[in-house]
Amino acid sequence: MNLSEIVGQLKDERSRLDAAIQALEGVSGSGASVPAKRRGRPPGTTNKPATTSEQSSGAPQKRRGMSAAARKRIGDAARARWAAAKKSGKKRL
């Protein structure tokens, strides 16, 4: 095969591919301009999360705190666990 025959065959193949692409675009409707479907809840829907009376009144939610004694107790227990793990030679808890 010489070079001109190869080029001719490639051009024929390109024209067949172009025809197939045009046929597929005709089936799908408007062609490649169809936007991809977005995930998640669309903006502006009426399906909003329920609000509590505190949130709707504008008052900030009260955060639950921990006393200093409770923090100390938890810290001491954690340090004891770490010391025991270190003593036993464990790499991970």
PDB file of N, CA and C in Angstrom:
ATOM      1  N   MET A   1       0.840  -1.184   0.000  1.00  0.00           N
ATOM      2  CA  MET A   1       0.000   0.000   0.000  1.00  0.00           C
ATOM      3  C   MET A   1       0.883   1.244   0.000  1.00  0.00           C
ATOM      4  N   ASN A   2       0.496   2.165  -0.824  1.00  0.00           N
ATOM      5  CA  ASN A   2       1.280   3.388  -0.809  1.00  0.00           C
ATOM      6  C   ASN A   2       0.605   4.417   0.087  1.00  0.00           C
ATOM      7  N   LEU A   3       1.254   5.484   0.274  1.00  0.00           N
ATOM      8  CA  LEU A   3       0.809   6.514   1.220  1.00  0.00           C
ATOM      9  C   LEU A   3      -0.506   7.164   0.800  1.00  0.00           C
ATOM     10  N   SER A   4      -0.714   7.375  -0.463  1.00  0.00           N
ATOM     11  CA  SER A   4      -1.944   8.035  -0.912  1.00  0.00           C
ATOM     12  C   SER A   4      -3.168   7.150  -0.669  1.00  0.00           C
ATOM     13  N   GLU A   5      -3.012   5.816  -0.792  1.00  0.00           N
ATOM     14  CA  GLU A   5      -4.128   4.906  -0.508  1.00  0.00           C
ATOM     15  C   GLU A   5      -4.485   4.940   0.976  1.00  0.00           C
ATOM     16  N   ILE A   6      -3.479   4.984   1.831  1.00  0.00           N
ATOM     17  CA  ILE A   6      -3.710   5.032   3.285  1.00  0.00           C
ATOM     18  C   ILE A   6      -4.433   6.322   3.649  1.00  0.00           C
ATOM     19  N   VAL A   7      -4.000   7.431   3.098  1.00  0.00           N
ATOM     20  CA  VAL A   7      -4.648   8.714   3.378  1.00  0.00           C
ATOM     21  C   VAL A   7      -6.093   8.691   2.899  1.00  0.00           C
ATOM     22  N   GLY A   8      -6.352   8.119   1.751  1.00  0.00           N
ATOM     23  CA  GLY A   8      -7.710   8.020   1.226  1.00  0.00           C
ATOM     24  C   GLY A   8      -8.605   7.183   2.131  1.00  0.00           C
ATOM     25  N   GLN A   9      -8.083   6.053   2.627  1.00  0.00           N
ATOM     26  CA  GLN A   9      -8.857   5.212   3.525  1.00  0.00           C
ATOM     27  C   GLN A   9      -9.147   5.928   4.843  1.00  0.00           C
ATOM     28  N   LEU A  10      -8.192   6.671   5.353  1.00  0.00           N
ATOM     29  CA  LEU A  10      -8.411   7.417   6.600  1.00  0.00           C
ATOM     30  C   LEU A  10      -9.476   8.493   6.405  1.00  0.00           C
ATOM     31  N   LYS A  11      -9.478   9.159   5.246  1.00  0.00           N
ATOM     32  CA  LYS A  11     -10.498  10.179   4.971  1.00  0.00           C
ATOM     33  C   LYS A  11     -11.884   9.543   4.873  1.00  0.00           C
ATOM     34  N   ASP A  12     -11.968   8.364   4.254  1.00  0.00           N
ATOM     35  CA  ASP A  12     -13.248   7.652   4.188  1.00  0.00           C
ATOM     36  C   ASP A  12     -13.743   7.294   5.593  1.00  0.00           C
ATOM     37  N   GLU A  13     -12.829   6.809   6.400  1.00  0.00           N
ATOM     38  CA  GLU A  13     -13.182   6.452   7.785  1.00  0.00           C
ATOM     39  C   GLU A  13     -13.654   7.681   8.554  1.00  0.00           C
ATOM     40  N   ARG A  14     -12.990   8.813   8.342  1.00  0.00           N
ATOM     41  CA  ARG A  14     -13.396  10.046   9.018  1.00  0.00           C
ATOM     42  C   ARG A  14     -14.793  10.464   8.590  1.00  0.00           C
ATOM     43  N   SER A  15     -15.103  10.353   7.328  1.00  0.00           N
ATOM     44  CA  SER A  15     -16.446  10.734   6.864  1.00  0.00           C
ATOM     45  C   SER A  15     -17.498   9.791   7.439  1.00  0.00           C
ATOM     46  N   ARG A  16     -17.203   8.494   7.547  1.00  0.00           N
ATOM     47  CA  ARG A  16     -18.148   7.559   8.166  1.00  0.00           C
ATOM     48  C   ARG A  16     -18.360   7.893   9.643  1.00  0.00           C
ATOM     49  N   LEU A  17     -17.299   8.253  10.353  1.00  0.00           N
ATOM     50  CA  LEU A  17     -17.411   8.619  11.768  1.00  0.00           C
ATOM     51  C   LEU A  17     -18.206   9.910  11.941  1.00  0.00           C
ATOM     52  N   ASP A  18     -17.982  10.882  11.065  1.00  0.00           N
ATOM     53  CA  ASP A  18     -18.743  12.131  11.137  1.00  0.00           C
ATOM     54  C   ASP A  18     -20.236  11.873  10.930  1.00  0.00           C
ATOM     55  N   ALA A  19     -20.569  10.988   9.982  1.00  0.00           N
ATOM     56  CA  ALA A  19     -21.975  10.656   9.734  1.00  0.00           C
ATOM     57  C   ALA A  19     -22.588   9.967  10.952  1.00  0.00           C
ATOM     58  N   ALA A  20     -21.831   9.071  11.595  1.00  0.00           N
ATOM     59  CA  ALA A  20     -22.340   8.378  12.777  1.00  0.00           C
ATOM     60  C   ALA A  20     -22.553   9.352  13.926  1.00  0.00           C
ATOM     61  N   ILE A  21     -21.660  10.300  14.094  1.00  0.00           N
ATOM     62  CA  ILE A  21     -21.792  11.297  15.164  1.00  0.00           C
ATOM     63  C   ILE A  21     -23.017  12.162  14.919  1.00  0.00           C
ATOM     64  N   GLN A  22     -23.237  12.589  13.689  1.00  0.00           N
ATOM     65  CA  GLN A  22     -24.403  13.413  13.381  1.00  0.00           C
ATOM     66  C   GLN A  22     -25.694  12.639  13.623  1.00  0.00           C
ATOM     67  N   ALA A  23     -25.700  11.346  13.296  1.00  0.00           N
ATOM     68  CA  ALA A  23     -26.893  10.538  13.521  1.00  0.00           C
ATOM     69  C   ALA A  23     -27.183  10.409  15.015  1.00  0.00           C
ATOM     70  N   LEU A  24     -26.141  10.214  15.812  1.00  0.00           N
ATOM     71  CA  LEU A  24     -26.333  10.086  17.253  1.00  0.00           C
ATOM     72  C   LEU A  24     -26.788  11.401  17.870  1.00  0.00           C
ATOM     73  N   GLU A  25     -26.262  12.511  17.399  1.00  0.00           N
ATOM     74  CA  GLU A  25     -26.693  13.809  17.917  1.00  0.00           C
ATOM     75  C   GLU A  25     -28.151  14.064  17.573  1.00  0.00           C
ATOM     76  N   GLY A  26     -28.619  13.595  16.428  1.00  0.00           N
ATOM     77  CA  GLY A  26     -30.011  13.750  16.054  1.00  0.00           C
ATOM     78  C   GLY A  26     -30.922  12.940  16.958  1.00  0.00           C
ATOM     79  N   VAL A  27     -30.471  11.782  17.420  1.00  0.00           N
ATOM     80  CA  VAL A  27     -31.273  10.936  18.313  1.00  0.00           C
ATOM     81  C   VAL A  27     -31.391  11.560  19.684  1.00  0.00           C
ATOM     82  N   SER A  28     -30.319  12.145  20.190  1.00  0.00           N
ATOM     83  CA  SER A  28     -30.321  12.671  21.556  1.00  0.00           C
ATOM     84  C   SER A  28     -31.048  13.995  21.672  1.00  0.00           C
ATOM     85  N   GLY A  29     -31.419  14.614  20.593  1.00  0.00           N
ATOM     86  CA  GLY A  29     -32.165  15.867  20.666  1.00  0.00           C
ATOM     87  C   GLY A  29     -31.311  17.034  20.280  1.00  0.00           C
ATOM     88  N   SER A  30     -30.904  17.805  21.249  1.00  0.00           N
ATOM     89  CA  SER A  30     -30.186  19.040  20.953  1.00  0.00           C
ATOM     90  C   SER A  30     -28.690  18.840  20.798  1.00  0.00           C
ATOM     91  N   GLY A  31     -28.205  17.631  20.873  1.00  0.00           N
ATOM     92  CA  GLY A  31     -26.787  17.388  20.638  1.00  0.00           C
ATOM     93  C   GLY A  31     -25.960  17.508  21.889  1.00  0.00           C
ATOM     94  N   ALA A  32     -24.753  18.043  21.731  1.00  0.00           N
ATOM     95  CA  ALA A  32     -23.795  18.097  22.831  1.00  0.00           C
ATOM     96  C   ALA A  32     -24.096  19.213  23.820  1.00  0.00           C
ATOM     97  N   SER A  33     -25.122  20.025  23.539  1.00  0.00           N
ATOM     98  CA  SER A  33     -25.399  21.141  24.431  1.00  0.00           C
ATOM     99  C   SER A  33     -26.275  20.743  25.613  1.00  0.00           C
ATOM    100  N   VAL A  34     -26.533  19.435  25.800  1.00  0.00           N
ATOM    101  CA  VAL A  34     -27.342  18.970  26.919  1.00  0.00           C
ATOM    102  C   VAL A  34     -26.487  19.041  28.185  1.00  0.00           C
ATOM    103  N   PRO A  35     -26.909  19.825  29.193  1.00  0.00           N
ATOM    104  CA  PRO A  35     -26.086  19.929  30.399  1.00  0.00           C
ATOM    105  C   PRO A  35     -26.161  18.652  31.227  1.00  0.00           C
ATOM    106  N   ALA A  36     -25.106  18.374  31.937  1.00  0.00           N
ATOM    107  CA  ALA A  36     -25.073  17.203  32.803  1.00  0.00           C
ATOM    108  C   ALA A  36     -25.987  17.432  34.002  1.00  0.00           C
ATOM    109  N   LYS A  37     -26.624  16.364  34.464  1.00  0.00           N
ATOM    110  CA  LYS A  37     -27.533  16.485  35.594  1.00  0.00           C
ATOM    111  C   LYS A  37     -26.735  16.761  36.852  1.00  0.00           C
ATOM    112  N   ARG A  38     -27.187  17.748  37.628  1.00  0.00           N
ATOM    113  CA  ARG A  38     -26.479  18.121  38.852  1.00  0.00           C
ATOM    114  C   ARG A  38     -26.923  17.237  39.991  1.00  0.00           C
ATOM    115  N   ARG A  39     -26.021  16.968  40.905  1.00  0.00           N
ATOM    116  CA  ARG A  39     -26.332  16.142  42.055  1.00  0.00           C
ATOM    117  C   ARG A  39     -26.782  17.003  43.219  1.00  0.00           C
ATOM    118  N   GLY A  40     -27.547  16.405  44.125  1.00  0.00           N
ATOM    119  CA  GLY A  40     -27.947  17.109  45.329  1.00  0.00           C
ATOM    120  C   GLY A  40     -29.285  17.802  45.191  1.00  0.00           C
ATOM    121  N   ARG A  41     -29.704  18.454  46.245  1.00  0.00           N
ATOM    122  CA  ARG A  41     -30.988  19.144  46.254  1.00  0.00           C
ATOM    123  C   ARG A  41     -30.870  20.416  45.428  1.00  0.00           C
ATOM    124  N   PRO A  42     -31.791  20.642  44.504  1.00  0.00           N
ATOM    125  CA  PRO A  42     -31.713  21.852  43.688  1.00  0.00           C
ATOM    126  C   PRO A  42     -31.913  23.103  44.531  1.00  0.00           C
ATOM    127  N   PRO A  43     -31.288  24.208  44.167  1.00  0.00           N
ATOM    128  CA  PRO A  43     -31.457  25.435  44.947  1.00  0.00           C
ATOM    129  C   PRO A  43     -32.877  25.957  44.847  1.00  0.00           C
ATOM    130  N   GLY A  44     -33.379  26.471  45.950  1.00  0.00           N
ATOM    131  CA  GLY A  44     -34.699  27.085  45.965  1.00  0.00           C
ATOM    132  C   GLY A  44     -35.848  26.119  46.134  1.00  0.00           C
ATOM    133  N   THR A  45     -35.584  24.853  46.466  1.00  0.00           N
ATOM    134  CA  THR A  45     -36.685  23.913  46.647  1.00  0.00           C
ATOM    135  C   THR A  45     -37.361  24.163  47.983  1.00  0.00           C
ATOM    136  N   THR A  46     -38.600  23.727  48.077  1.00  0.00           N
ATOM    137  CA  THR A  46     -39.349  23.910  49.322  1.00  0.00           C
ATOM    138  C   THR A  46     -39.053  22.807  50.319  1.00  0.00           C
ATOM    139  N   ASN A  47     -38.267  21.837  49.944  1.00  0.00           N
ATOM    140  CA  ASN A  47     -37.928  20.718  50.812  1.00  0.00           C
ATOM    141  C   ASN A  47     -36.723  21.092  51.680  1.00  0.00           C
ATOM    142  N   LYS A  48     -36.929  22.007  52.605  1.00  0.00           N
ATOM    143  CA  LYS A  48     -35.858  22.504  53.476  1.00  0.00           C
ATOM    144  C   LYS A  48     -35.840  21.706  54.774  1.00  0.00           C
ATOM    145  N   PRO A  49     -34.700  21.640  55.453  1.00  0.00           N
ATOM    146  CA  PRO A  49     -34.652  20.968  56.749  1.00  0.00           C
ATOM    147  C   PRO A  49     -35.540  21.684  57.757  1.00  0.00           C
ATOM    148  N   ALA A  50     -36.118  20.904  58.658  1.00  0.00           N
ATOM    149  CA  ALA A  50     -36.999  21.480  59.675  1.00  0.00           C
ATOM    150  C   ALA A  50     -36.182  22.322  60.647  1.00  0.00           C
ATOM    151  N   THR A  51     -36.770  23.415  61.103  1.00  0.00           N
ATOM    152  CA  THR A  51     -36.099  24.282  62.068  1.00  0.00           C
ATOM    153  C   THR A  51     -36.766  24.143  63.419  1.00  0.00           C
ATOM    154  N   THR A  52     -35.993  24.306  64.477  1.00  0.00           N
ATOM    155  CA  THR A  52     -36.542  24.251  65.822  1.00  0.00           C
ATOM    156  C   THR A  52     -37.008  25.637  66.228  1.00  0.00           C
ATOM    157  N   SER A  53     -37.703  25.708  67.336  1.00  0.00           N
ATOM    158  CA  SER A  53     -38.214  27.003  67.778  1.00  0.00           C
ATOM    159  C   SER A  53     -37.078  27.944  68.168  1.00  0.00           C
ATOM    160  N   GLU A  54     -35.975  27.388  68.725  1.00  0.00           N
ATOM    161  CA  GLU A  54     -34.835  28.249  69.096  1.00  0.00           C
ATOM    162  C   GLU A  54     -34.171  28.833  67.858  1.00  0.00           C
ATOM    163  N   GLN A  55     -34.027  28.023  66.823  1.00  0.00           N
ATOM    164  CA  GLN A  55     -33.382  28.510  65.616  1.00  0.00           C
ATOM    165  C   GLN A  55     -34.242  29.553  64.912  1.00  0.00           C
ATOM    166  N   SER A  56     -35.543  29.352  64.920  1.00  0.00           N
ATOM    167  CA  SER A  56     -36.397  30.297  64.214  1.00  0.00           C
ATOM    168  C   SER A  56     -36.542  31.609  64.975  1.00  0.00           C
ATOM    169  N   SER A  57     -36.338  31.577  66.307  1.00  0.00           N
ATOM    170  CA  SER A  57     -36.480  32.811  67.075  1.00  0.00           C
ATOM    171  C   SER A  57     -35.214  33.666  67.022  1.00  0.00           C
ATOM    172  N   GLY A  58     -34.137  33.119  66.484  1.00  0.00           N
ATOM    173  CA  GLY A  58     -32.909  33.884  66.360  1.00  0.00           C
ATOM    174  C   GLY A  58     -31.978  33.732  67.547  1.00  0.00           C
ATOM    175  N   ALA A  59     -32.404  33.032  68.616  1.00  0.00           N
ATOM    176  CA  ALA A  59     -31.542  32.831  69.782  1.00  0.00           C
ATOM    177  C   ALA A  59     -30.484  31.783  69.448  1.00  0.00           C
ATOM    178  N   PRO A  60     -29.227  32.012  69.822  1.00  0.00           N
ATOM    179  CA  PRO A  60     -28.198  31.021  69.531  1.00  0.00           C
ATOM    180  C   PRO A  60     -28.418  29.762  70.370  1.00  0.00           C
ATOM    181  N   GLN A  61     -28.007  28.620  69.799  1.00  0.00           N
ATOM    182  CA  GLN A  61     -28.152  27.379  70.529  1.00  0.00           C
ATOM    183  C   GLN A  61     -27.140  27.340  71.660  1.00  0.00           C
ATOM    184  N   LYS A  62     -27.565  26.830  72.810  1.00  0.00           N
ATOM    185  CA  LYS A  62     -26.681  26.734  73.961  1.00  0.00           C
ATOM    186  C   LYS A  62     -25.802  25.508  73.796  1.00  0.00           C
ATOM    187  N   ARG A  63     -24.512  25.704  73.904  1.00  0.00           N
ATOM    188  CA  ARG A  63     -23.581  24.590  73.781  1.00  0.00           C
ATOM    189  C   ARG A  63     -23.409  23.933  75.135  1.00  0.00           C
ATOM    190  N   ARG A  64     -23.338  22.640  75.103  1.00  0.00           N
ATOM    191  CA  ARG A  64     -23.145  21.914  76.345  1.00  0.00           C
ATOM    192  C   ARG A  64     -21.662  21.946  76.695  1.00  0.00           C
ATOM    193  N   GLY A  65     -21.381  22.234  77.921  1.00  0.00           N
ATOM    194  CA  GLY A  65     -19.995  22.341  78.347  1.00  0.00           C
ATOM    195  C   GLY A  65     -19.582  21.176  79.226  1.00  0.00           C
ATOM    196  N   MET A  66     -18.306  21.160  79.540  1.00  0.00           N
ATOM    197  CA  MET A  66     -17.770  20.125  80.403  1.00  0.00           C
ATOM    198  C   MET A  66     -17.035  20.839  81.529  1.00  0.00           C
ATOM    199  N   SER A  67     -17.257  20.352  82.738  1.00  0.00           N
ATOM    200  CA  SER A  67     -16.613  21.000  83.870  1.00  0.00           C
ATOM    201  C   SER A  67     -15.115  20.706  83.861  1.00  0.00           C
ATOM    202  N   ALA A  68     -14.376  21.509  84.574  1.00  0.00           N
ATOM    203  CA  ALA A  68     -12.924  21.321  84.653  1.00  0.00           C
ATOM    204  C   ALA A  68     -12.599  19.979  85.300  1.00  0.00           C
ATOM    205  N   ALA A  69     -13.387  19.590  86.289  1.00  0.00           N
ATOM    206  CA  ALA A  69     -13.147  18.310  86.966  1.00  0.00           C
ATOM    207  C   ALA A  69     -13.362  17.141  85.998  1.00  0.00           C
ATOM    208  N   ALA A  70     -14.386  17.249  85.157  1.00  0.00           N
ATOM    209  CA  ALA A  70     -14.651  16.183  84.191  1.00  0.00           C
ATOM    210  C   ALA A  70     -13.531  16.104  83.163  1.00  0.00           C
ATOM    211  N   ARG A  71     -13.048  17.264  82.684  1.00  0.00           N
ATOM    212  CA  ARG A  71     -11.922  17.261  81.737  1.00  0.00           C
ATOM    213  C   ARG A  71     -10.690  16.638  82.363  1.00  0.00           C
ATOM    214  N   LYS A  72     -10.433  16.926  83.626  1.00  0.00           N
ATOM    215  CA  LYS A  72      -9.273  16.357  84.326  1.00  0.00           C
ATOM    216  C   LYS A  72      -9.410  14.850  84.449  1.00  0.00           C
ATOM    217  N   ARG A  73     -10.616  14.383  84.805  1.00  0.00           N
ATOM    218  CA  ARG A  73     -10.848  12.947  84.947  1.00  0.00           C
ATOM    219  C   ARG A  73     -10.611  12.229  83.613  1.00  0.00           C
ATOM    220  N   ILE A  74     -11.124  12.786  82.540  1.00  0.00           N
ATOM    221  CA  ILE A  74     -10.963  12.158  81.232  1.00  0.00           C
ATOM    222  C   ILE A  74      -9.497  12.180  80.798  1.00  0.00           C
ATOM    223  N   GLY A  75      -8.813  13.289  81.032  1.00  0.00           N
ATOM    224  CA  GLY A  75      -7.396  13.383  80.682  1.00  0.00           C
ATOM    225  C   GLY A  75      -6.545  12.408  81.463  1.00  0.00           C
ATOM    226  N   ASP A  76      -6.829  12.270  82.765  1.00  0.00           N
ATOM    227  CA  ASP A  76      -6.071  11.319  83.590  1.00  0.00           C
ATOM    228  C   ASP A  76      -6.286   9.889  83.102  1.00  0.00           C
ATOM    229  N   ALA A  77      -7.532   9.555  82.751  1.00  0.00           N
ATOM    230  CA  ALA A  77      -7.818   8.206  82.260  1.00  0.00           C
ATOM    231  C   ALA A  77      -7.103   7.945  80.942  1.00  0.00           C
ATOM    232  N   ALA A  78      -7.073   8.940  80.057  1.00  0.00           N
ATOM    233  CA  ALA A  78      -6.385   8.776  78.773  1.00  0.00           C
ATOM    234  C   ALA A  78      -4.890   8.593  78.979  1.00  0.00           C
ATOM    235  N   ARG A  79      -4.312   9.405  79.869  1.00  0.00           N
ATOM    236  CA  ARG A  79      -2.884   9.252  80.140  1.00  0.00           C
ATOM    237  C   ARG A  79      -2.576   7.892  80.732  1.00  0.00           C
ATOM    238  N   ALA A  80      -3.465   7.360  81.573  1.00  0.00           N
ATOM    239  CA  ALA A  80      -3.255   6.029  82.146  1.00  0.00           C
ATOM    240  C   ALA A  80      -3.305   4.962  81.058  1.00  0.00           C
ATOM    241  N   ARG A  81      -4.247   5.104  80.109  1.00  0.00           N
ATOM    242  CA  ARG A  81      -4.316   4.137  79.003  1.00  0.00           C
ATOM    243  C   ARG A  81      -3.056   4.199  78.155  1.00  0.00           C
ATOM    244  N   TRP A  82      -2.589   5.416  77.863  1.00  0.00           N
ATOM    245  CA  TRP A  82      -1.385   5.559  77.045  1.00  0.00           C
ATOM    246  C   TRP A  82      -0.173   4.955  77.747  1.00  0.00           C
ATOM    247  N   ALA A  83      -0.065   5.173  79.064  1.00  0.00           N
ATOM    248  CA  ALA A  83       1.060   4.627  79.820  1.00  0.00           C
ATOM    249  C   ALA A  83       1.019   3.106  79.812  1.00  0.00           C
ATOM    250  N   ALA A  84      -0.167   2.527  79.970  1.00  0.00           N
ATOM    251  CA  ALA A  84      -0.282   1.076  79.951  1.00  0.00           C
ATOM    252  C   ALA A  84       0.071   0.509  78.586  1.00  0.00           C
ATOM    253  N   ALA A  85      -0.366   1.180  77.524  1.00  0.00           N
ATOM    254  CA  ALA A  85      -0.050   0.717  76.179  1.00  0.00           C
ATOM    255  C   ALA A  85       1.446   0.819  75.902  1.00  0.00           C
ATOM    256  N   LYS A  86       2.057   1.895  76.375  1.00  0.00           N
ATOM    257  CA  LYS A  86       3.490   2.078  76.174  1.00  0.00           C
ATOM    258  C   LYS A  86       4.284   1.022  76.934  1.00  0.00           C
ATOM    259  N   LYS A  87       3.817   0.712  78.143  1.00  0.00           N
ATOM    260  CA  LYS A  87       4.496  -0.275  78.967  1.00  0.00           C
ATOM    261  C   LYS A  87       4.401  -1.662  78.357  1.00  0.00           C
ATOM    262  N   SER A  88       3.251  -1.971  77.726  1.00  0.00           N
ATOM    263  CA  SER A  88       3.075  -3.305  77.131  1.00  0.00           C
ATOM    264  C   SER A  88       3.760  -3.405  75.779  1.00  0.00           C
ATOM    265  N   GLY A  89       4.232  -2.297  75.233  1.00  0.00           N
ATOM    266  CA  GLY A  89       4.977  -2.324  73.964  1.00  0.00           C
ATOM    267  C   GLY A  89       4.081  -2.216  72.733  1.00  0.00           C
ATOM    268  N   LYS A  90       2.825  -1.867  72.904  1.00  0.00           N
ATOM    269  CA  LYS A  90       1.942  -1.714  71.755  1.00  0.00           C
ATOM    270  C   LYS A  90       2.344  -0.506  70.933  1.00  0.00           C
ATOM    271  N   LYS A  91       2.261  -0.664  69.623  1.00  0.00           N
ATOM    272  CA  LYS A  91       2.565   0.459  68.734  1.00  0.00           C
ATOM    273  C   LYS A  91       1.361   1.371  68.592  1.00  0.00           C
ATOM    274  N   ARG A  92       0.148   0.778  68.593  1.00  0.00           N
ATOM    275  CA  ARG A  92      -1.087   1.545  68.425  1.00  0.00           C
ATOM    276  C   ARG A  92      -2.068   1.153  69.529  1.00  0.00           C
ATOM    277  N   LEU A  93      -2.925   2.082  69.887  1.00  0.00           N
ATOM    278  CA  LEU A  93      -3.934   1.759  70.888  1.00  0.00           C
ATOM    279  C   LEU A  93      -5.076   1.014  70.282  1.00  0.00           C
TER     280      LEU A  93
END
